[in-house]
Amino acid sequence: MRLSLAVDLIFLAANLLKIFEGGWLPLAVGASLMLVMLTWRQGTRILAAISKTHEVRLVDFIAMMTKSSITCASGTAVFMTGTPMRRRRRCCTTSTQTRFCTNTISS
């Protein structure tokens, strides 16, 4: 154990001299990337904690979906908005499962 530690310290001392001759660049790049990764990980943890406090239970979500009306758009689209006063197309289903869309203003 002591012998391997002594050999490692000798290699470290020999390579410390190379830092001033250009070895600082890989160390700076590595430190920068490590800073970015640690910041990303911390931000992900913070966002996960915020998301967990604002999540809706599945039972409550199902209850909300049974009370709300289904809205459709022509083509393929997903509208995620916090402003509900937008012009939407309301989908109605007839007995033959054909969808008829009429313009409505949702409130």
C-alpha atoms as a PDB file:
ATOM      1  CA  MET A   1       0.000   0.000   0.000  1.00  0.00           C
ATOM      2  CA  ARG A   2       2.736   2.447   0.981  1.00  0.00           C
ATOM      3  CA  LEU A   3       4.793   1.530  -2.053  1.00  0.00           C
ATOM      4  CA  SER A   4       1.935   2.233  -4.485  1.00  0.00           C
ATOM      5  CA  LEU A   5       1.202   5.509  -2.686  1.00  0.00           C
ATOM      6  CA  ALA A   6       4.882   6.521  -2.990  1.00  0.00           C
ATOM      7  CA  VAL A   7       4.894   5.678  -6.721  1.00  0.00           C
ATOM      8  CA  ASP A   8       1.672   7.640  -7.268  1.00  0.00           C
ATOM      9  CA  LEU A   9       3.086  10.675  -5.434  1.00  0.00           C
ATOM     10  CA  ILE A  10       6.232  10.538  -7.578  1.00  0.00           C
ATOM     11  CA  PHE A  11       4.114  10.505 -10.754  1.00  0.00           C
ATOM     12  CA  LEU A  12       1.981  13.348  -9.403  1.00  0.00           C
ATOM     13  CA  ALA A  13       5.057  15.454  -8.601  1.00  0.00           C
ATOM     14  CA  ALA A  14       6.512  14.815 -12.053  1.00  0.00           C
ATOM     15  CA  ASN A  15       3.265  15.816 -13.789  1.00  0.00           C
ATOM     16  CA  LEU A  16       2.713  18.929 -11.668  1.00  0.00           C
ATOM     17  CA  LEU A  17       5.602  20.535 -13.559  1.00  0.00           C
ATOM     18  CA  LYS A  18       3.671  20.110 -16.825  1.00  0.00           C
ATOM     19  CA  ILE A  19       0.699  22.199 -15.636  1.00  0.00           C
ATOM     20  CA  PHE A  20       2.467  25.462 -16.415  1.00  0.00           C
ATOM     21  CA  GLU A  21       3.560  24.253 -19.841  1.00  0.00           C
ATOM     22  CA  GLY A  22       0.031  23.703 -21.192  1.00  0.00           C
ATOM     23  CA  GLY A  23      -1.376  21.099 -18.850  1.00  0.00           C
ATOM     24  CA  TRP A  24      -3.678  23.728 -17.366  1.00  0.00           C
ATOM     25  CA  LEU A  25      -5.941  23.647 -20.430  1.00  0.00           C
ATOM     26  CA  PRO A  26      -7.269  20.074 -19.979  1.00  0.00           C
ATOM     27  CA  LEU A  27      -7.666  20.772 -16.267  1.00  0.00           C
ATOM     28  CA  ALA A  28      -9.632  23.968 -16.989  1.00  0.00           C
ATOM     29  CA  VAL A  29     -11.854  22.197 -19.554  1.00  0.00           C
ATOM     30  CA  GLY A  30     -12.463  19.327 -17.130  1.00  0.00           C
ATOM     31  CA  ALA A  31     -13.266  21.713 -14.275  1.00  0.00           C
ATOM     32  CA  SER A  32     -15.657  23.667 -16.516  1.00  0.00           C
ATOM     33  CA  LEU A  33     -17.468  20.527 -17.642  1.00  0.00           C
ATOM     34  CA  MET A  34     -17.675  19.316 -14.052  1.00  0.00           C
ATOM     35  CA  LEU A  35     -19.188  22.643 -13.015  1.00  0.00           C
ATOM     36  CA  VAL A  36     -21.789  22.403 -15.788  1.00  0.00           C
ATOM     37  CA  MET A  37     -22.689  18.811 -14.843  1.00  0.00           C
ATOM     38  CA  LEU A  38     -22.984  19.599 -11.129  1.00  0.00           C
ATOM     39  CA  THR A  39     -25.139  22.641 -11.892  1.00  0.00           C
ATOM     40  CA  TRP A  40     -27.343  20.541 -14.192  1.00  0.00           C
ATOM     41  CA  ARG A  41     -27.748  17.838 -11.541  1.00  0.00           C
ATOM     42  CA  GLN A  42     -28.632  20.368  -8.838  1.00  0.00           C
ATOM     43  CA  GLY A  43     -31.119  22.107 -11.152  1.00  0.00           C
ATOM     44  CA  THR A  44     -32.717  18.764 -12.005  1.00  0.00           C
ATOM     45  CA  ARG A  45     -33.141  18.002  -8.308  1.00  0.00           C
ATOM     46  CA  ILE A  46     -34.704  21.422  -7.680  1.00  0.00           C
ATOM     47  CA  LEU A  47     -37.121  21.035 -10.616  1.00  0.00           C
ATOM     48  CA  ALA A  48     -38.066  17.533  -9.465  1.00  0.00           C
ATOM     49  CA  ALA A  49     -38.855  18.864  -5.992  1.00  0.00           C
ATOM     50  CA  ILE A  50     -40.971  21.688  -7.442  1.00  0.00           C
ATOM     51  CA  SER A  51     -42.783  19.294  -9.778  1.00  0.00           C
ATOM     52  CA  LYS A  52     -43.517  16.946  -6.899  1.00  0.00           C
ATOM     53  CA  THR A  53     -45.156  19.726  -4.884  1.00  0.00           C
ATOM     54  CA  HIS A  54     -47.361  20.787  -7.836  1.00  0.00           C
ATOM     55  CA  GLU A  55     -48.374  17.363  -9.117  1.00  0.00           C
ATOM     56  CA  VAL A  56     -51.992  16.250  -9.188  1.00  0.00           C
ATOM     57  CA  ARG A  57     -52.969  12.867  -7.826  1.00  0.00           C
ATOM     58  CA  LEU A  58     -54.194  10.387 -10.427  1.00  0.00           C
ATOM     59  CA  VAL A  59     -57.619  10.051  -8.787  1.00  0.00           C
ATOM     60  CA  ASP A  60     -58.095  13.822  -8.841  1.00  0.00           C
ATOM     61  CA  PHE A  61     -56.890  14.021 -12.458  1.00  0.00           C
ATOM     62  CA  ILE A  62     -59.383  11.374 -13.568  1.00  0.00           C
ATOM     63  CA  ALA A  63     -62.165  13.232 -11.749  1.00  0.00           C
ATOM     64  CA  MET A  64     -61.197  16.478 -13.509  1.00  0.00           C
ATOM     65  CA  MET A  65     -61.151  14.762 -16.890  1.00  0.00           C
ATOM     66  CA  THR A  66     -64.636  13.288 -16.426  1.00  0.00           C
ATOM     67  CA  LYS A  67     -66.027  16.750 -15.644  1.00  0.00           C
ATOM     68  CA  SER A  68     -64.327  18.600 -18.518  1.00  0.00           C
ATOM     69  CA  SER A  69     -65.293  18.632 -22.166  1.00  0.00           C
ATOM     70  CA  ILE A  70     -63.019  17.209 -24.837  1.00  0.00           C
ATOM     71  CA  THR A  71     -61.560  19.737 -27.275  1.00  0.00           C
ATOM     72  CA  CYS A  72     -60.157  18.889 -30.686  1.00  0.00           C
ATOM     73  CA  ALA A  73     -58.127  20.783 -33.260  1.00  0.00           C
ATOM     74  CA  SER A  74     -58.058  20.158 -36.963  1.00  0.00           C
ATOM     75  CA  GLY A  75     -54.917  18.195 -37.775  1.00  0.00           C
ATOM     76  CA  THR A  76     -52.561  17.134 -35.037  1.00  0.00           C
ATOM     77  CA  ALA A  77     -51.923  19.636 -32.262  1.00  0.00           C
ATOM     78  CA  VAL A  78     -51.381  19.949 -28.541  1.00  0.00           C
ATOM     79  CA  PHE A  79     -52.297  23.203 -26.850  1.00  0.00           C
ATOM     80  CA  MET A  80     -50.795  23.737 -23.424  1.00  0.00           C
ATOM     81  CA  THR A  81     -51.851  27.140 -22.207  1.00  0.00           C
ATOM     82  CA  GLY A  82     -52.660  28.872 -18.981  1.00  0.00           C
ATOM     83  CA  THR A  83     -55.075  31.268 -20.678  1.00  0.00           C
ATOM     84  CA  PRO A  84     -58.381  29.435 -21.200  1.00  0.00           C
ATOM     85  CA  MET A  85     -60.120  32.243 -23.189  1.00  0.00           C
ATOM     86  CA  ARG A  86     -59.010  31.017 -26.606  1.00  0.00           C
ATOM     87  CA  ARG A  87     -61.017  30.053 -29.675  1.00  0.00           C
ATOM     88  CA  ARG A  88     -61.231  26.251 -29.727  1.00  0.00           C
ATOM     89  CA  ARG A  89     -63.003  23.625 -31.756  1.00  0.00           C
ATOM     90  CA  ARG A  90     -65.339  21.501 -29.655  1.00  0.00           C
ATOM     91  CA  CYS A  91     -65.640  17.864 -30.726  1.00  0.00           C
ATOM     92  CA  CYS A  92     -68.931  16.096 -30.492  1.00  0.00           C
ATOM     93  CA  THR A  93     -69.375  12.374 -30.957  1.00  0.00           C
ATOM     94  CA  THR A  94     -72.542  11.040 -32.521  1.00  0.00           C
ATOM     95  CA  SER A  95     -73.898   7.538 -32.238  1.00  0.00           C
ATOM     96  CA  THR A  96     -71.928   6.480 -35.342  1.00  0.00           C
ATOM     97  CA  GLN A  97     -68.665   7.646 -33.724  1.00  0.00           C
ATOM     98  CA  THR A  98     -68.195  10.434 -36.302  1.00  0.00           C
ATOM     99  CA  ARG A  99     -66.704  13.650 -34.968  1.00  0.00           C
ATOM    100  CA  PHE A 100     -68.250  16.990 -35.838  1.00  0.00           C
ATOM    101  CA  CYS A 101     -66.329  20.035 -34.734  1.00  0.00           C
ATOM    102  CA  THR A 102     -67.952  23.421 -34.168  1.00  0.00           C
ATOM    103  CA  ASN A 103     -66.229  26.684 -33.312  1.00  0.00           C
ATOM    104  CA  THR A 104     -66.791  27.688 -29.721  1.00  0.00           C
ATOM    105  CA  ILE A 105     -65.230  30.064 -27.280  1.00  0.00           C
ATOM    106  CA  SER A 106     -64.254  28.238 -24.137  1.00  0.00           C
ATOM    107  CA  SER A 107     -64.529  29.950 -20.837  1.00  0.00           C
END
